[in-house]
Amino acid sequence: MMGSAKSQWFFWCLLPKFTRYSLTLLLSAVILADAVGATPRNRGLQIAQQPGTTQQNATRAAAERFTQEGMQLYQQGTGESLRRAIGKWQEALKLWQQLDDKGWEANILFGIGKVYSDLGEKQEALKYYNQALPIFRAVENREMEATTLNNIGGVYSDLGEKQEALKYYNQALPIYRAVEDKGGEANTLNNIGSVYSNLGEKQEALKYYNQALPI
């Protein structure tokens, strides 16, 4: 994605309690940026400027439509609308896969995982996050790789599997640092501190909270 849209996309992901309204705005910004143009780094996420056959263009338009309809349903925020949003994004996912658009495939998988997590269906969330993760790695989207690791850690923390949560947070942290994503770094440090606090290891928790504070 273009720089500003890309940072908006992963900023949505790194916040554990991001609002539905903000998610909709950020996904919309991503689609708008893709329609305007893209750098070589984000070729896998383009929507409107990829050459192709009439059928491919129609498929891409349908994928974009299902993605946007899913956003609108997500914004409504009811249990029913969230499940309908998943349905729309699953339809979008099939089309992005048909187009072999790995960037959007990973993003939609991630989004479905996020909705399942919001619904409290943590095992389903893990299923989709774990599908998104290797694709983000394959397309070398390190920001979203880190964010997916961070969110997987959050799911394990919610499930009470604190050591497993730490494993994923500790994978996310050096990637955020490598890409100089200060927001992601601070968020992950706070998440690690929270896990140690819940484990009763207060001094270790303070160590991570204090690292996050100046960031």
Protein backbone atom coordinates (compact mmCIF):
# COMPACT_ATOMS: atom_id res chain seq x y z
CA MET A 1 0.00 0.00 0.00
CA MET A 2 1.00 3.61 -0.23
CA GLY A 3 2.81 4.79 2.87
CA SER A 4 -0.04 6.58 4.65
CA ALA A 5 -2.67 3.96 3.84
CA LYS A 6 -0.38 1.14 4.85
CA SER A 7 0.36 2.73 8.20
CA GLN A 8 -3.36 3.29 8.73
CA TRP A 9 -4.06 -0.37 7.95
CA PHE A 10 -1.65 -1.84 10.46
CA PHE A 11 -2.43 0.85 13.05
CA TRP A 12 -5.99 -0.52 13.11
CA CYS A 13 -4.61 -3.97 13.79
CA LEU A 14 -2.21 -3.18 16.59
CA LEU A 15 -4.86 -1.76 18.89
CA PRO A 16 -6.59 -4.54 20.88
CA LYS A 17 -9.94 -2.72 21.19
CA PHE A 18 -10.12 -0.84 17.92
CA THR A 19 -13.63 0.45 17.20
CA ARG A 20 -15.76 -0.79 14.32
CA TYR A 21 -16.15 2.78 13.04
CA SER A 22 -12.37 3.28 12.93
CA LEU A 23 -11.91 -0.05 11.19
CA THR A 24 -14.35 0.99 8.49
CA LEU A 25 -12.59 4.31 7.95
CA LEU A 26 -9.19 2.67 7.70
CA LEU A 27 -10.27 -0.09 5.34
CA SER A 28 -11.91 2.57 3.18
CA ALA A 29 -8.66 4.54 3.14
CA VAL A 30 -6.79 1.45 2.00
CA ILE A 31 -9.19 0.85 -0.88
CA LEU A 32 -9.08 4.52 -1.90
CA ALA A 33 -5.28 4.54 -1.90
CA ASP A 34 -5.18 1.37 -3.96
CA ALA A 35 -7.53 2.89 -6.51
CA VAL A 36 -5.37 6.01 -6.83
CA GLY A 37 -2.13 4.13 -7.36
CA ALA A 38 0.53 1.99 -5.74
CA THR A 39 4.26 1.66 -5.34
CA PRO A 40 6.16 -1.48 -6.40
CA ARG A 41 6.14 -2.60 -2.77
CA ASN A 42 2.36 -2.80 -2.68
CA ARG A 43 1.63 -4.37 -6.02
CA GLY A 44 -0.12 -7.25 -4.29
CA LEU A 45 -2.72 -4.87 -2.85
CA GLN A 46 -3.81 -2.90 -5.89
CA ILE A 47 -7.46 -2.85 -6.91
CA ALA A 48 -8.13 -0.47 -9.74
CA GLN A 49 -4.91 -0.17 -11.73
CA GLN A 50 -3.94 -3.74 -12.48
CA PRO A 51 -4.25 -4.64 -16.15
CA GLY A 52 -6.27 -7.71 -16.94
CA THR A 53 -9.07 -9.20 -18.91
CA THR A 54 -12.66 -8.00 -18.68
CA GLN A 55 -13.44 -11.04 -16.54
CA GLN A 56 -10.55 -10.29 -14.19
CA ASN A 57 -11.70 -6.70 -13.88
CA ALA A 58 -15.23 -7.86 -13.10
CA THR A 59 -13.92 -10.28 -10.50
CA ARG A 60 -11.82 -7.54 -8.92
CA ALA A 61 -14.81 -5.19 -8.82
CA ALA A 62 -16.89 -7.88 -7.14
CA ALA A 63 -14.13 -8.55 -4.60
CA GLU A 64 -13.97 -4.85 -3.80
CA ARG A 65 -17.76 -4.68 -3.47
CA PHE A 66 -17.91 -7.62 -1.03
CA THR A 67 -15.05 -6.09 0.94
CA GLN A 68 -16.86 -2.77 1.25
CA GLU A 69 -20.21 -4.40 2.09
CA GLY A 70 -18.45 -6.33 4.83
CA MET A 71 -17.06 -3.08 6.20
CA GLN A 72 -20.51 -1.52 6.29
CA LEU A 73 -21.91 -4.49 8.18
CA TYR A 74 -18.96 -4.49 10.58
CA GLN A 75 -19.63 -0.86 11.36
CA GLN A 76 -23.18 -1.66 12.51
CA GLY A 77 -21.72 -3.62 15.38
CA THR A 78 -24.55 -6.03 16.19
CA GLY A 79 -23.98 -9.75 16.57
CA GLU A 80 -26.02 -10.39 13.44
CA SER A 81 -24.23 -7.74 11.38
CA LEU A 82 -20.82 -9.01 12.45
CA ARG A 83 -21.68 -12.50 11.26
CA ARG A 84 -23.00 -11.11 8.00
CA ALA A 85 -19.75 -9.16 7.66
CA ILE A 86 -17.85 -12.42 7.96
CA GLY A 87 -20.03 -13.86 5.19
CA LYS A 88 -19.27 -10.92 2.90
CA TRP A 89 -15.56 -11.14 3.59
CA GLN A 90 -15.57 -14.87 2.96
CA GLU A 91 -17.08 -14.15 -0.45
CA ALA A 92 -14.44 -11.47 -1.01
CA LEU A 93 -11.75 -13.91 0.07
CA LYS A 94 -12.71 -16.44 -2.61
CA LEU A 95 -12.42 -13.75 -5.27
CA TRP A 96 -9.09 -12.35 -4.03
CA GLN A 97 -7.79 -15.92 -4.04
CA GLN A 98 -9.13 -16.43 -7.55
CA LEU A 99 -7.25 -13.28 -8.59
CA ASP A 100 -4.14 -14.56 -6.79
CA ASP A 101 -3.97 -11.25 -4.93
CA LYS A 102 -1.97 -12.37 -1.92
CA GLY A 103 -1.95 -9.02 -0.19
CA TRP A 104 -5.71 -8.71 -0.07
CA GLU A 105 -6.10 -12.41 0.68
CA ALA A 106 -4.01 -11.96 3.81
CA ASN A 107 -5.79 -8.76 4.81
CA ILE A 108 -9.23 -10.34 4.52
CA LEU A 109 -8.12 -13.44 6.42
CA PHE A 110 -6.82 -11.13 9.12
CA GLY A 111 -10.07 -9.13 9.15
CA ILE A 112 -12.19 -12.26 9.53
CA GLY A 113 -9.94 -13.34 12.38
CA LYS A 114 -10.41 -9.95 14.03
CA VAL A 115 -14.20 -10.22 13.83
CA TYR A 116 -14.20 -13.71 15.30
CA SER A 117 -12.00 -12.44 18.11
CA ASP A 118 -14.45 -9.57 18.72
CA LEU A 119 -17.27 -12.12 18.85
CA GLY A 120 -15.37 -14.10 21.48
CA GLU A 121 -14.80 -17.07 19.16
CA LYS A 122 -11.11 -17.31 19.87
CA GLN A 123 -10.36 -20.65 18.21
CA GLU A 124 -11.93 -19.43 14.95
CA ALA A 125 -9.90 -16.23 15.27
CA LEU A 126 -6.71 -18.26 15.60
CA LYS A 127 -7.61 -20.30 12.52
CA TYR A 128 -7.80 -17.20 10.32
CA TYR A 129 -4.84 -15.41 11.88
CA ASN A 130 -2.73 -18.52 11.32
CA GLN A 131 -3.76 -18.58 7.66
CA ALA A 132 -2.90 -14.89 7.24
CA LEU A 133 0.51 -15.08 8.91
CA PRO A 134 2.48 -17.10 6.32
CA ILE A 135 1.00 -15.01 3.50
CA PHE A 136 2.12 -11.77 5.12
CA ARG A 137 5.55 -13.35 5.43
CA ALA A 138 5.50 -14.45 1.79
CA VAL A 139 4.68 -10.96 0.53
CA GLU A 140 7.21 -9.50 2.97
CA ASN A 141 4.73 -7.30 4.76
CA ARG A 142 6.66 -7.19 8.01
CA GLU A 143 4.35 -4.71 9.71
CA MET A 144 1.36 -6.99 9.28
CA GLU A 145 3.44 -10.04 10.15
CA ALA A 146 4.24 -8.41 13.48
CA THR A 147 0.66 -7.30 14.01
CA THR A 148 -0.69 -10.76 13.30
CA LEU A 149 1.79 -12.25 15.77
CA ASN A 150 0.73 -9.64 18.30
CA ASN A 151 -2.97 -10.42 17.80
CA ILE A 152 -2.36 -14.16 18.07
CA GLY A 153 -0.62 -13.43 21.34
CA GLY A 154 -3.68 -11.46 22.44
CA VAL A 155 -5.98 -14.38 21.67
CA TYR A 156 -3.83 -16.77 23.68
CA SER A 157 -3.77 -14.28 26.53
CA ASP A 158 -7.59 -14.08 26.45
CA LEU A 159 -7.68 -17.89 26.51
CA GLY A 160 -5.54 -17.87 29.65
CA GLU A 161 -2.53 -19.41 27.87
CA LYS A 162 -0.09 -16.79 29.08
CA GLN A 163 3.16 -18.53 28.16
CA GLU A 164 1.89 -19.10 24.62
CA ALA A 165 0.92 -15.43 24.47
CA LEU A 166 4.44 -14.41 25.49
CA LYS A 167 5.88 -16.59 22.73
CA TYR A 168 4.01 -14.66 20.06
CA TYR A 169 4.52 -11.23 21.63
CA ASN A 170 8.26 -11.92 21.76
CA GLN A 171 8.22 -12.78 18.05
CA ALA A 172 6.36 -9.58 17.21
CA LEU A 173 8.55 -7.23 19.24
CA PRO A 174 11.85 -7.48 17.28
CA ILE A 175 9.98 -7.12 13.98
CA TYR A 176 8.29 -3.92 15.13
CA ARG A 177 11.71 -2.66 16.18
CA ALA A 178 13.29 -3.67 12.87
CA VAL A 179 10.70 -1.71 10.88
CA GLU A 180 10.84 1.16 13.39
CA ASP A 181 7.14 0.95 14.19
CA LYS A 182 7.14 2.72 17.54
CA GLY A 183 3.40 2.31 18.08
CA GLY A 184 3.53 -1.44 17.53
CA GLU A 185 6.63 -1.73 19.71
CA ALA A 186 5.02 0.17 22.60
CA ASN A 187 1.78 -1.80 22.30
CA THR A 188 3.60 -5.13 22.38
CA LEU A 189 5.75 -4.07 25.34
CA ASN A 190 2.58 -3.17 27.21
CA ASN A 191 1.02 -6.52 26.26
CA ILE A 192 4.06 -8.38 27.58
CA GLY A 193 3.96 -6.33 30.76
CA SER A 194 0.28 -7.16 31.20
CA VAL A 195 0.96 -10.89 30.86
CA TYR A 196 3.71 -10.77 33.48
CA SER A 197 1.45 -8.76 35.76
CA ASN A 198 -1.30 -11.37 35.41
CA LEU A 199 1.26 -14.06 36.19
CA GLY A 200 2.14 -12.24 39.41
CA GLU A 201 5.63 -11.32 38.19
CA LYS A 202 5.32 -7.65 39.01
CA GLN A 203 8.98 -6.67 38.69
CA GLU A 204 9.15 -8.24 35.23
CA ALA A 205 5.93 -6.44 34.30
CA LEU A 206 7.44 -3.12 35.41
CA LYS A 207 10.48 -3.74 33.23
CA TYR A 208 8.34 -3.92 30.09
CA TYR A 209 5.97 -1.13 31.10
CA ASN A 210 8.98 1.12 31.70
CA GLN A 211 10.37 0.29 28.26
CA ALA A 212 7.06 1.24 26.68
CA LEU A 213 6.69 4.51 28.59
CA PRO A 214 9.21 6.70 26.69
CA ILE A 215 8.01 5.37 23.32
